[in-house]
Amino acid sequence: DHNISLESMGVTVNAVAGALKAFFADLPDPLIPYSLHQELLETSKIMDKTERLHELKEIVKKFHPVNYDVFKYVITHLNRVSQQYKTNFMTADNLSICFWPTLMRPDFENREFLSTTKIHQSVIETFIQQCQFFF
């Protein structure tokens, strides 16, 4: 309902972001399927930026249609937020740090996984920065 003003109700942007992150954390499976995590990691190693972007786009096409639609909506929104970084201090880098664990739901108990956290975060940053290319 576009007539609802969360601001007039005293709901802070942090509360909304927290609720969104909690929603994604409570889903049975992460928005970005586990089955594609390794592929995302491998693609992130491609040195040629254009080729890397095209490969990432192909991976996104493998998402379940509902996941794709939600991912598109979230990433597009995060891109709009990042465009206001001078006001909100939320660059694509900052947003990716906040949201990649929510979107990918990693296994922080796995020591091998800990060595790839920066790579996962950079993949989400790329999606945010280049959302017009992906969608």
Protein backbone atom coordinates (compact mmCIF):
# COMPACT_ATOMS: atom_id res chain seq x y z
CA ASP A 1 0.00 0.00 0.00
CA HIS A 2 1.77 3.10 -1.26
CA ASN A 3 -0.43 5.28 0.97
CA ILE A 4 1.26 4.01 4.13
CA SER A 5 3.96 6.27 5.48
CA LEU A 6 6.28 4.35 7.76
CA GLU A 7 8.06 7.59 8.58
CA SER A 8 4.86 9.18 9.91
CA MET A 9 4.35 6.06 12.03
CA GLY A 10 7.79 6.53 13.57
CA VAL A 11 9.30 3.44 11.93
CA THR A 12 13.00 3.98 11.27
CA VAL A 13 14.81 2.91 8.14
CA ASN A 14 16.97 0.64 10.32
CA ALA A 15 13.86 -1.14 11.59
CA VAL A 16 12.63 -1.69 8.04
CA ALA A 17 16.03 -3.01 6.91
CA GLY A 18 16.18 -5.26 9.97
CA ALA A 19 12.71 -6.63 9.26
CA LEU A 20 13.68 -7.32 5.65
CA LYS A 21 16.85 -9.12 6.71
CA ALA A 22 14.88 -11.14 9.28
CA PHE A 23 12.36 -12.13 6.62
CA PHE A 24 15.11 -13.46 4.35
CA ALA A 25 16.82 -15.21 7.28
CA ASP A 26 13.59 -17.06 8.10
CA LEU A 27 13.07 -18.43 4.59
CA PRO A 28 13.64 -22.20 4.34
CA ASP A 29 16.27 -21.61 1.62
CA PRO A 30 18.33 -18.52 0.86
CA LEU A 31 17.26 -16.19 -1.93
CA ILE A 32 20.47 -17.05 -3.79
CA PRO A 33 20.34 -20.85 -3.97
CA TYR A 34 23.15 -22.81 -2.35
CA SER A 35 23.48 -24.75 -5.58
CA LEU A 36 24.79 -21.62 -7.31
CA HIS A 37 27.24 -20.39 -4.66
CA GLN A 38 30.24 -22.28 -6.03
CA GLU A 39 29.46 -21.10 -9.54
CA LEU A 40 29.32 -17.50 -8.31
CA LEU A 41 32.70 -17.96 -6.62
CA GLU A 42 34.28 -19.38 -9.77
CA THR A 43 32.80 -16.64 -11.94
CA SER A 44 34.10 -13.94 -9.61
CA LYS A 45 37.64 -15.11 -10.47
CA ILE A 46 37.26 -14.20 -14.14
CA MET A 47 39.63 -11.31 -14.73
CA ASP A 48 37.92 -9.80 -17.76
CA LYS A 49 35.13 -7.59 -16.38
CA THR A 50 32.83 -7.92 -19.40
CA GLU A 51 33.11 -11.69 -19.47
CA ARG A 52 32.59 -11.86 -15.68
CA LEU A 53 29.42 -9.75 -15.92
CA HIS A 54 28.02 -11.91 -18.71
CA GLU A 55 28.72 -15.09 -16.74
CA LEU A 56 27.08 -13.63 -13.63
CA LYS A 57 24.05 -12.74 -15.73
CA GLU A 58 23.82 -16.35 -16.91
CA ILE A 59 23.93 -17.57 -13.32
CA VAL A 60 21.12 -15.21 -12.30
CA LYS A 61 19.01 -16.65 -15.11
CA LYS A 62 19.24 -20.03 -13.32
CA PHE A 63 17.35 -18.72 -10.29
CA HIS A 64 13.87 -20.05 -9.69
CA PRO A 65 11.47 -17.48 -11.26
CA VAL A 66 10.20 -16.31 -7.84
CA ASN A 67 13.74 -15.97 -6.50
CA TYR A 68 14.72 -14.10 -9.65
CA ASP A 69 11.86 -11.62 -9.29
CA VAL A 70 12.56 -10.98 -5.60
CA PHE A 71 16.32 -10.74 -6.20
CA LYS A 72 15.74 -8.26 -9.03
CA TYR A 73 13.49 -6.14 -6.81
CA VAL A 74 15.91 -6.18 -3.85
CA ILE A 75 19.03 -5.48 -5.90
CA THR A 76 17.30 -2.70 -7.84
CA HIS A 77 16.21 -1.14 -4.56
CA LEU A 78 19.72 -1.44 -3.10
CA ASN A 79 21.06 0.24 -6.24
CA ARG A 80 18.66 3.16 -5.69
CA VAL A 81 19.75 3.38 -2.05
CA SER A 82 23.43 3.39 -3.11
CA GLN A 83 22.77 6.29 -5.48
CA GLN A 84 21.94 8.38 -2.41
CA TYR A 85 25.23 7.53 -0.64
CA LYS A 86 26.11 11.18 -0.06
CA THR A 87 23.04 11.47 2.15
CA ASN A 88 22.75 7.98 3.65
CA PHE A 89 26.43 6.89 3.56
CA MET A 90 25.34 3.54 2.11
CA THR A 91 27.58 2.84 -0.85
CA ALA A 92 27.20 -0.37 -2.85
CA ASP A 93 30.14 -1.71 -0.82
CA ASN A 94 28.44 -0.92 2.51
CA LEU A 95 25.12 -2.37 1.33
CA SER A 96 26.78 -5.55 0.09
CA ILE A 97 28.50 -6.00 3.46
CA CYS A 98 25.12 -5.68 5.20
CA PHE A 99 23.07 -7.80 2.81
CA TRP A 100 25.24 -10.57 1.33
CA PRO A 101 24.91 -12.86 4.39
CA THR A 102 21.13 -12.38 4.27
CA LEU A 103 20.83 -13.08 0.55
CA MET A 104 23.23 -16.04 0.51
CA ARG A 105 22.90 -17.40 4.06
CA PRO A 106 26.42 -18.81 4.40
CA ASP A 107 27.63 -21.53 6.73
CA PHE A 108 29.79 -19.52 9.13
CA GLU A 109 30.69 -22.74 10.97
CA ASN A 110 32.62 -23.94 7.92
CA ARG A 111 36.24 -22.75 8.11
CA GLU A 112 36.69 -23.10 4.35
CA PHE A 113 33.78 -20.77 3.80
CA LEU A 114 35.32 -18.04 5.95
CA SER A 115 38.10 -17.57 3.41
CA THR A 116 35.56 -16.68 0.70
CA THR A 117 33.42 -14.14 2.53
CA LYS A 118 35.01 -11.15 0.77
CA ILE A 119 34.41 -12.79 -2.60
CA HIS A 120 30.74 -13.38 -1.81
CA GLN A 121 30.40 -9.79 -0.64
CA SER A 122 32.04 -8.50 -3.84
CA VAL A 123 29.61 -10.53 -5.97
CA ILE A 124 26.66 -8.84 -4.27
CA GLU A 125 28.38 -5.47 -4.66
CA THR A 126 28.69 -6.15 -8.39
CA PHE A 127 25.00 -7.01 -8.63
CA ILE A 128 24.13 -3.74 -6.86
CA GLN A 129 26.47 -1.60 -8.95
CA GLN A 130 25.56 -3.18 -12.27
CA CYS A 131 21.87 -3.92 -11.69
CA GLN A 132 20.81 -2.22 -14.95
CA PHE A 133 23.00 -4.71 -16.84
CA PHE A 134 21.58 -7.73 -15.02
CA PHE A 135 17.95 -6.68 -15.15
